[in-house]
Amino acid sequence: MSDQLLDVFRICLLVLVYLTFFRVIRAVVVELRAEVPMSVAADAPAPAPVGTRQVLPTTPAAPAGLVDAAALVLVAPVAGAGTRFTLEPETTIGRAAGCGVVIDDARVSKLHARVFQSGGTWYAEDLGSTNGTLLDGEPLTSSQPLGIGSRLQVGDVVMELV
C-alpha cells in the first residue's frame, strides 16, 4: 500500500476515535444534567420497584373535556405486568426518586421521558434519554399524541395507556 493511502486510513481511524470519545462525553453530560437535587430526593418517597403497585397522589379534577382518569399499565416485563401508574397532568418516567413513574432498569435514564396532557389529549416526549423512547415501536423524536392502547417503551419496560 502507498504511504498516502495509509495516511488516509490513519486519519479516518483518528476521526473515529474522537467521535466515539465525544459520544461518551455527551452521554455522561446528559446523565449528569438529569441528576435530581438532594433536597428533592430526600423529600420524595422511596422508589417503587417495577413489580410493585404504585399509587400516585390524586390531583384536583381537570376542567370539563379533559381526560382525567388515564393511567399507564405495565405490559412487559411479565413479572410486573398489570401494574398501574395513575397519570397526573404531567408525569415523568425514569430511575430518579422524584419521577412519577420510577423504573429500576439500567437502560432507563434518571429522567427518561414524560407524559403530559394538553387540550384534552395525552402526549409523550423523550427527555434526551441515552437509549431513547419508543412509541408503538417507533422512536419518539418529538412530542407525540397518545391514544388509548398506545404503547410506550423505556428500556425493557413497555407500558400501555388506558
Protein backbone atom coordinates (compact mmCIF):
# COMPACT_ATOMS: atom_id res chain seq x y z
CA MET A 1 0.00 0.00 0.00
CA SER A 2 1.14 3.50 -0.67
CA ASP A 3 2.06 5.87 2.12
CA GLN A 4 -0.74 8.24 1.13
CA LEU A 5 -3.37 5.52 1.49
CA LEU A 6 -2.01 4.57 4.91
CA ASP A 7 -2.15 8.23 5.97
CA VAL A 8 -5.82 8.41 4.91
CA PHE A 9 -6.60 5.28 6.94
CA ARG A 10 -4.79 6.73 9.99
CA ILE A 11 -6.77 9.97 9.73
CA CYS A 12 -10.07 8.07 9.39
CA LEU A 13 -9.21 5.96 12.43
CA LEU A 14 -8.30 9.06 14.42
CA VAL A 15 -11.61 10.73 13.48
CA LEU A 16 -13.50 7.58 14.52
CA VAL A 17 -11.73 7.53 17.90
CA TYR A 18 -12.57 11.20 18.53
CA LEU A 19 -16.23 10.72 17.53
CA THR A 20 -16.52 7.80 19.94
CA PHE A 21 -14.88 9.87 22.69
CA PHE A 22 -17.30 12.78 22.16
CA ARG A 23 -20.29 10.42 22.15
CA VAL A 24 -19.25 9.03 25.54
CA ILE A 25 -18.74 12.54 26.92
CA ARG A 26 -22.20 13.57 25.63
CA ALA A 27 -23.84 10.58 27.34
CA VAL A 28 -22.14 11.47 30.64
CA VAL A 29 -23.22 15.12 30.38
CA VAL A 30 -26.83 14.12 29.65
CA GLU A 31 -26.88 11.82 32.69
CA LEU A 32 -25.34 14.49 34.93
CA ARG A 33 -27.93 17.06 33.84
CA ALA A 34 -30.66 14.61 34.82
CA GLU A 35 -29.44 14.40 38.43
CA VAL A 36 -32.17 15.09 40.98
CA PRO A 37 -31.15 17.65 43.64
CA MET A 38 -30.62 16.07 47.06
CA SER A 39 -33.34 18.23 48.67
CA VAL A 40 -35.90 16.84 46.23
CA ALA A 41 -34.66 13.27 46.60
CA ALA A 42 -34.84 13.49 50.41
CA ASP A 43 -38.48 14.64 50.34
CA ALA A 44 -39.57 12.15 47.68
CA PRO A 45 -40.98 8.75 48.57
CA ALA A 46 -38.77 5.72 48.09
CA PRO A 47 -38.80 4.47 44.50
CA ALA A 48 -41.20 1.63 43.82
CA PRO A 49 -39.70 -1.41 42.11
CA VAL A 50 -41.22 -2.28 38.75
CA GLY A 51 -43.07 -5.29 40.13
CA THR A 52 -44.98 -3.40 42.83
CA ARG A 53 -48.10 -1.30 42.66
CA GLN A 54 -47.54 2.45 42.99
CA VAL A 55 -50.34 4.82 43.95
CA LEU A 56 -49.62 8.41 43.00
CA PRO A 57 -51.25 11.33 44.80
CA THR A 58 -54.52 12.47 43.30
CA THR A 59 -54.78 15.85 41.64
CA PRO A 60 -57.75 18.24 41.57
CA ALA A 61 -60.40 17.45 38.99
CA ALA A 62 -59.47 18.57 35.48
CA PRO A 63 -61.63 21.10 33.63
CA ALA A 64 -64.50 19.68 31.56
CA GLY A 65 -63.38 17.95 28.40
CA LEU A 66 -60.01 16.78 29.74
CA VAL A 67 -59.20 13.14 30.25
CA ASP A 68 -58.58 12.82 33.98
CA ALA A 69 -58.56 9.09 34.70
CA ALA A 70 -55.76 7.96 32.39
CA ALA A 71 -53.10 5.53 33.54
CA LEU A 72 -50.13 3.60 32.23
CA VAL A 73 -50.34 -0.16 32.73
CA LEU A 74 -47.21 -2.30 32.62
CA VAL A 75 -47.27 -4.84 29.78
CA ALA A 76 -43.66 -6.06 29.97
CA PRO A 77 -41.69 -7.43 31.72
CA VAL A 78 -44.10 -10.21 32.58
CA ALA A 79 -43.11 -10.12 36.27
CA GLY A 80 -44.65 -6.65 36.65
CA ALA A 81 -47.46 -6.96 34.10
CA GLY A 82 -50.68 -5.30 35.20
CA THR A 83 -49.03 -2.72 37.47
CA ARG A 84 -50.99 0.52 37.09
CA PHE A 85 -49.49 4.03 37.26
CA THR A 86 -52.13 6.78 37.51
CA LEU A 87 -51.16 9.79 35.40
CA GLU A 88 -51.03 13.34 36.64
CA PRO A 89 -51.34 16.24 34.15
CA GLU A 90 -47.55 15.93 33.78
CA THR A 91 -45.82 12.72 34.80
CA THR A 92 -42.12 11.99 34.41
CA ILE A 93 -40.75 8.49 33.82
CA GLY A 94 -37.25 7.45 34.87
CA ARG A 95 -34.97 5.99 37.53
CA ALA A 96 -34.84 9.10 39.76
CA ALA A 97 -36.80 9.01 43.00
CA GLY A 98 -38.62 12.23 42.08
CA CYS A 99 -40.23 10.76 38.96
CA GLY A 100 -43.95 9.97 38.91
CA VAL A 101 -43.23 6.54 37.43
CA VAL A 102 -39.99 5.10 38.84
CA ILE A 103 -38.47 2.28 36.80
CA ASP A 104 -35.49 0.34 38.11
CA ASP A 105 -33.84 -0.60 34.80
CA ALA A 106 -30.22 0.09 33.81
CA ARG A 107 -31.34 1.15 30.29
CA VAL A 108 -33.64 3.86 31.68
CA SER A 109 -32.20 7.34 32.27
CA LYS A 110 -32.81 9.19 35.53
CA LEU A 111 -35.24 11.49 33.70
CA HIS A 112 -36.13 9.44 30.64
CA ALA A 113 -39.48 10.64 29.30
CA ARG A 114 -42.62 12.49 30.26
CA VAL A 115 -46.31 12.05 29.59
CA PHE A 116 -48.37 15.21 29.75
CA GLN A 117 -51.84 16.45 28.96
CA SER A 118 -52.62 19.38 26.67
CA GLY A 119 -56.02 20.33 25.29
CA GLY A 120 -57.65 17.08 26.37
CA THR A 121 -55.00 14.93 24.65
CA TRP A 122 -52.15 12.99 26.23
CA TYR A 123 -48.67 13.41 24.74
CA ALA A 124 -45.38 11.57 25.23
CA GLU A 125 -41.96 13.18 24.95
CA ASP A 126 -38.43 11.82 25.30
CA LEU A 127 -36.32 13.94 27.67
CA GLY A 128 -32.98 13.42 25.93
CA SER A 129 -32.54 9.91 27.27
CA THR A 130 -29.44 7.94 26.35
CA ASN A 131 -31.30 4.91 24.94
CA GLY A 132 -34.37 6.69 23.58
CA THR A 133 -38.09 6.05 23.95
CA LEU A 134 -40.35 4.07 21.63
CA LEU A 135 -43.99 4.87 20.95
CA ASP A 136 -45.80 1.93 19.37
CA GLY A 137 -42.43 0.54 18.27
CA GLU A 138 -41.22 3.76 16.62
CA PRO A 139 -38.53 6.08 18.07
CA LEU A 140 -40.00 9.12 19.80
CA THR A 141 -38.21 12.16 18.35
CA SER A 142 -40.67 14.89 19.38
CA SER A 143 -43.85 15.25 21.42
CA GLN A 144 -46.37 12.77 20.01
CA PRO A 145 -50.04 12.31 20.92
CA LEU A 146 -51.05 9.15 22.76
CA GLY A 147 -54.28 7.29 22.20
CA ILE A 148 -55.90 4.63 24.33
CA GLY A 149 -53.85 1.47 23.73
CA SER A 150 -50.67 3.33 22.72
CA ARG A 151 -47.57 1.54 23.94
CA LEU A 152 -44.64 3.46 25.39
CA GLN A 153 -41.31 1.65 25.83
CA VAL A 154 -38.48 2.89 28.02
CA GLY A 155 -35.57 0.48 28.35
CA ASP A 156 -37.03 -3.01 28.57
CA VAL A 157 -40.28 -1.78 30.15
CA VAL A 158 -43.42 -1.48 27.99
CA MET A 159 -46.46 0.45 29.25
CA GLU A 160 -49.87 0.92 27.65
CA LEU A 161 -52.13 3.95 28.02
CA VAL A 162 -55.58 3.02 29.38
